Protein backbone atom coordinates (compact mmCIF):
# COMPACT_ATOMS: atom_id res chain seq x y z
CA UNK A 1 0.00 0.00 0.00
CA UNK A 2 1.40 3.39 -1.00
CA UNK A 3 2.04 5.98 1.71
CA UNK A 4 -0.55 8.80 1.69
CA UNK A 5 0.53 11.99 -0.04
CA UNK A 6 1.65 14.80 2.22
CA UNK A 7 -0.63 17.82 2.22
CA UNK A 8 1.81 20.72 2.60
CA UNK A 9 5.20 21.66 1.14
CA UNK A 10 7.50 23.68 3.41
CA UNK A 11 10.65 25.39 2.10
CA UNK A 12 13.31 26.56 4.55
CA UNK A 13 16.29 28.78 4.01
CA UNK A 14 19.38 27.89 6.10
CA UNK A 15 21.59 30.88 6.99
CA UNK A 16 19.96 33.22 9.51
CA UNK A 17 16.79 31.17 9.30
CA UNK A 18 17.49 27.65 10.58
CA UNK A 19 20.82 28.77 12.01
CA UNK A 20 21.34 32.16 13.61
CA UNK A 21 24.46 33.07 11.65
CA UNK A 22 25.70 33.33 8.09
CA UNK A 23 27.52 30.00 7.81
CA UNK A 24 30.02 31.45 5.32
CA UNK A 25 31.15 33.80 8.09
CA UNK A 26 31.06 30.97 10.62
CA UNK A 27 33.47 28.70 8.71
CA UNK A 28 36.08 31.49 8.67
CA UNK A 29 36.52 30.78 12.40
CA UNK A 30 38.38 27.64 11.28
CA UNK A 31 41.01 29.81 9.52
CA UNK A 32 44.34 30.65 11.21
CA UNK A 33 43.66 33.55 13.56
CA UNK A 34 39.92 33.17 12.75
CA UNK A 35 40.24 35.84 10.08
CA UNK A 36 41.05 36.32 6.40
CA UNK A 37 43.75 38.55 4.90
CA UNK A 38 42.64 41.89 3.49
CA UNK A 39 43.80 41.04 -0.05
CA UNK A 40 41.39 38.09 -0.09
CA UNK A 41 38.46 40.00 1.42
CA UNK A 42 38.96 42.69 -1.23
CA UNK A 43 38.25 40.21 -4.06
CA UNK A 44 34.54 40.01 -3.19
CA UNK A 45 32.15 41.30 -5.91
CA UNK A 46 28.43 41.89 -5.60
CA UNK A 47 26.40 39.07 -7.14
CA UNK A 48 29.42 36.74 -7.20
CA UNK A 49 29.70 35.78 -3.54
CA UNK A 50 29.94 32.04 -4.19
CA UNK A 51 32.98 32.59 -6.42
CA UNK A 52 34.51 34.58 -3.56
CA UNK A 53 33.77 31.80 -1.07
CA UNK A 54 35.45 29.35 -3.43
CA UNK A 55 38.62 31.43 -3.14
CA UNK A 56 38.21 31.61 0.63
CA UNK A 57 37.95 27.82 0.91
CA UNK A 58 40.99 27.33 -1.33
CA UNK A 59 42.97 29.74 0.86
CA UNK A 60 41.88 27.90 3.98
CA UNK A 61 42.94 24.60 2.43
CA UNK A 62 46.34 26.09 1.62
CA UNK A 63 46.60 27.12 5.27
CA UNK A 64 46.07 23.53 6.36
CA UNK A 65 42.40 23.60 7.32
CA UNK A 66 40.89 20.15 6.77
CA UNK A 67 37.51 18.51 7.34
CA UNK A 68 37.88 18.09 11.10
CA UNK A 69 38.57 21.82 11.45
CA UNK A 70 35.50 22.79 9.44
CA UNK A 71 33.31 20.24 11.21
CA UNK A 72 34.27 21.48 14.68
CA UNK A 73 33.20 25.02 13.78
CA UNK A 74 30.04 24.09 11.85
CA UNK A 75 28.62 21.89 14.61
CA UNK A 76 28.82 24.84 17.02
CA UNK A 77 26.74 27.24 14.89
CA UNK A 78 23.69 28.13 17.01
CA UNK A 79 20.16 27.49 15.84
CA UNK A 80 17.89 30.50 15.47
CA UNK A 81 15.61 31.20 18.44
CA UNK A 82 12.68 28.80 18.65
CA UNK A 83 13.67 26.82 15.57
CA UNK A 84 14.32 23.55 17.37
CA UNK A 85 10.85 23.67 18.93
CA UNK A 86 9.35 24.28 15.49
CA UNK A 87 11.17 21.25 14.10
CA UNK A 88 9.93 19.10 16.99
CA UNK A 89 6.38 19.99 15.92
CA UNK A 90 7.13 19.31 12.25
CA UNK A 91 8.73 15.98 13.16
CA UNK A 92 5.62 15.00 15.11
CA UNK A 93 3.51 15.89 12.07
CA UNK A 94 5.63 14.43 9.28
CA UNK A 95 2.48 12.91 7.80
CA UNK A 96 1.41 16.45 6.82
CA UNK A 97 4.62 18.14 5.68
CA UNK A 98 7.11 17.55 2.92
CA UNK A 99 10.16 19.66 3.78
CA UNK A 100 12.82 21.07 1.46
CA UNK A 101 15.88 23.13 2.32
CA UNK A 102 16.78 25.77 -0.27
CA UNK A 103 19.95 27.72 0.50
CA UNK A 104 22.82 29.68 -1.00
CA UNK A 105 25.18 28.15 1.57
CA UNK A 106 26.66 24.79 0.54
CA UNK A 107 25.89 21.11 0.83
CA UNK A 108 28.78 20.22 3.18
CA UNK A 109 27.94 22.88 5.76
CA UNK A 110 24.22 22.15 5.66
CA UNK A 111 24.50 18.35 5.80
CA UNK A 112 27.08 18.54 8.61
CA UNK A 113 24.97 20.88 10.75
CA UNK A 114 21.68 19.05 10.15
CA UNK A 115 23.21 15.66 11.00
CA UNK A 116 24.75 17.01 14.21
CA UNK A 117 21.39 18.52 15.18
CA UNK A 118 19.49 15.32 14.35
CA UNK A 119 17.39 17.08 11.71
CA UNK A 120 18.63 15.61 8.43
CA UNK A 121 15.85 12.97 8.11
CA UNK A 122 13.18 15.69 8.14
CA UNK A 123 14.21 17.04 4.73
CA UNK A 124 13.31 15.26 1.53
CA UNK A 125 15.71 17.37 -0.50
CA UNK A 126 18.47 19.99 -0.11
CA UNK A 127 18.81 22.48 -2.97
CA UNK A 128 22.12 24.31 -2.62
CA UNK A 129 25.64 24.81 -3.96
CA UNK A 130 27.55 21.50 -4.08
CA UNK A 131 30.65 21.27 -1.88
CA UNK A 132 33.01 18.37 -1.21
CA UNK A 133 36.61 17.67 -0.29
CA UNK A 134 38.96 17.23 -3.24
CA UNK A 135 42.03 15.00 -3.54
CA UNK A 136 44.16 17.59 -1.71
CA UNK A 137 41.76 17.67 1.21
CA UNK A 138 40.49 21.15 0.35
CA UNK A 139 36.78 21.95 0.61
CA UNK A 140 35.76 22.75 -2.97
CA UNK A 141 32.63 24.75 -3.82
CA UNK A 142 30.63 24.77 -7.07
CA UNK A 143 27.72 26.98 -8.20
CA UNK A 144 24.24 25.47 -7.92
CA UNK A 145 23.07 26.26 -11.47
CA UNK A 146 22.77 29.02 -14.07
CA UNK A 147 19.75 31.24 -14.64
CA UNK A 148 18.62 34.48 -16.24
CA UNK A 149 16.95 36.18 -13.26
CA UNK A 150 18.22 39.78 -12.97
CA UNK A 151 17.38 39.96 -9.26
CA UNK A 152 19.42 37.00 -8.00
CA UNK A 153 23.16 36.23 -7.66
CA UNK A 154 24.80 34.50 -10.60
CA UNK A 155 24.98 31.06 -8.98
CA UNK A 156 21.41 30.69 -7.73
CA UNK A 157 17.84 31.84 -8.29
CA UNK A 158 15.69 30.29 -5.58
CA UNK A 159 12.55 31.12 -7.56
CA UNK A 160 13.76 28.91 -10.41
CA UNK A 161 14.68 26.13 -7.98
CA UNK A 162 11.34 26.30 -6.19
CA UNK A 163 9.35 26.37 -9.42
CA UNK A 164 11.20 23.42 -10.93
CA UNK A 165 10.95 21.38 -7.73
CA UNK A 166 7.23 22.05 -7.38
CA UNK A 167 6.54 21.15 -11.01
CA UNK A 168 8.51 17.91 -10.68
CA UNK A 169 6.82 16.90 -7.44
CA UNK A 170 3.29 17.57 -8.67
CA UNK A 171 4.03 15.40 -11.71
CA UNK A 172 5.42 12.64 -9.45
CA UNK A 173 2.25 12.91 -7.32
CA UNK A 174 0.10 12.11 -10.32
CA UNK A 175 -0.88 15.72 -10.89
CA UNK A 176 -2.15 16.27 -7.37
CA UNK A 177 -0.98 19.66 -6.02
CA UNK A 178 -0.05 20.40 -2.43
CA UNK A 179 -2.78 22.04 -0.35
CA UNK A 180 -0.44 24.78 0.84
CA UNK A 181 3.11 26.02 0.36
CA UNK A 182 5.13 27.58 3.17
CA UNK A 183 8.41 29.48 2.84
CA UNK A 184 10.62 30.62 5.74
CA UNK A 185 13.59 32.85 5.02
CA UNK A 186 15.40 36.07 5.78
CA UNK A 187 17.43 37.36 2.84
CA UNK A 188 16.77 39.30 -0.34
CA UNK A 189 17.22 36.07 -2.31
CA UNK A 190 14.31 34.58 -0.33
CA UNK A 191 11.94 37.24 -1.63
CA UNK A 192 12.22 36.08 -5.24
CA UNK A 193 10.82 32.54 -4.67
CA UNK A 194 8.12 33.79 -2.30
CA UNK A 195 6.54 35.68 -5.21
CA UNK A 196 5.45 32.27 -6.58
CA UNK A 197 3.28 31.61 -3.53
CA UNK A 198 -0.48 31.99 -3.92
CA UNK A 199 -3.27 33.21 -1.64
CA UNK A 200 -3.55 29.84 0.17
CA UNK A 201 0.18 29.88 0.93
CA UNK A 202 2.25 31.61 3.63
CA UNK A 203 5.59 33.40 3.58
CA UNK A 204 7.49 33.64 6.85
CA UNK A 205 10.06 36.46 6.47
CA UNK A 206 12.35 37.05 9.45
CA UNK A 207 11.21 40.30 11.02
CA UNK A 208 12.99 43.39 9.67
CA UNK A 209 15.49 41.36 7.61
CA UNK A 210 15.87 42.06 3.85
CA UNK A 211 13.14 39.60 2.78
CA UNK A 212 10.65 41.24 5.13
CA UNK A 213 11.53 44.74 3.91
CA UNK A 214 11.12 43.69 0.26
CA UNK A 215 7.76 42.07 0.99
CA UNK A 216 6.52 45.23 2.71
CA UNK A 217 7.74 47.43 -0.14
CA UNK A 218 5.98 45.24 -2.71
CA UNK A 219 2.76 45.10 -0.70
CA UNK A 220 2.74 48.90 -0.63
CA UNK A 221 3.81 49.60 -4.22
CA UNK A 222 2.00 46.80 -6.11
CA UNK A 223 -0.06 44.68 -3.70
CA UNK A 224 -1.67 42.58 -6.46
CA UNK A 225 1.73 41.08 -7.35
CA UNK A 226 2.32 39.56 -3.89
CA UNK A 227 -0.43 37.06 -3.10
CA UNK A 228 0.85 35.02 -0.16
CA UNK A 229 -0.14 35.47 3.46
CA UNK A 230 2.74 37.08 5.34
CA UNK A 231 3.71 36.15 8.90
CA UNK A 232 6.92 37.87 10.05
CA UNK A 233 8.86 35.99 12.73
CA UNK A 234 11.26 36.89 15.51
CA UNK A 235 11.42 33.29 16.72
CA UNK A 236 10.47 29.89 15.41
CA UNK A 237 7.74 30.03 18.05
CA UNK A 238 5.92 32.59 15.86
CA UNK A 239 5.84 30.10 12.98
CA UNK A 240 4.88 27.27 15.32
CA UNK A 241 1.91 29.17 16.78
CA UNK A 242 0.67 30.05 13.29
CA UNK A 243 0.87 26.45 12.09
CA UNK A 244 -0.88 25.10 15.18
CA UNK A 245 -3.72 27.57 14.74
CA UNK A 246 -3.97 26.94 11.00
CA UNK A 247 -4.00 23.16 11.36
CA UNK A 248 -6.04 23.01 14.55
CA UNK A 249 -3.29 21.14 16.37
């Protein structure tokens, strides 16, 4: 007998959403002196941050940083307030939720943190920039994909990823759509995918972070173009209370 289809699809960002830091900044704590030289920091260009992080990881490899050094730092990254309680609720209601992580961090950082936190089994899929250790023992980073969205960084458009994932999953479900979509994020690159949400869906932008500010600006300037319900959050408890009320749990 086939397992019943899950009703709701929940997308989570990672940096400053699940965890309370930017993990790219966090991994620098594994570098000698927990800092980077100025010449390397000066190579960063807007819209090409993943290329910059590739150079950072190569530098750290050249300085002798290996997997155990990265792992020790990553496992200590704190979760955002209330997030672990939210995941306890989602774990207890796995029959209702299909969960996907969509992040401009990288696969090694995300997998390492989720496994340490005991959360990896909750996520059906992780959509992010691939990262793995090469033959020299350096952590090597690749861009997620290419796209033509003018709003998003060169390596990732979360709107494209969300749209493709949703289309694929509905086809795999025999054409049956999800009842509701949920999206929790914080950054400007989380605004772009949230535009795909409809009036039955809910966006959870972190309060007063870039995603929230962009949502408010759009609601004021062209409200018809942003259809989702909006629930800003300071803590995962805010999301938890909304879900409990919505689902009558």
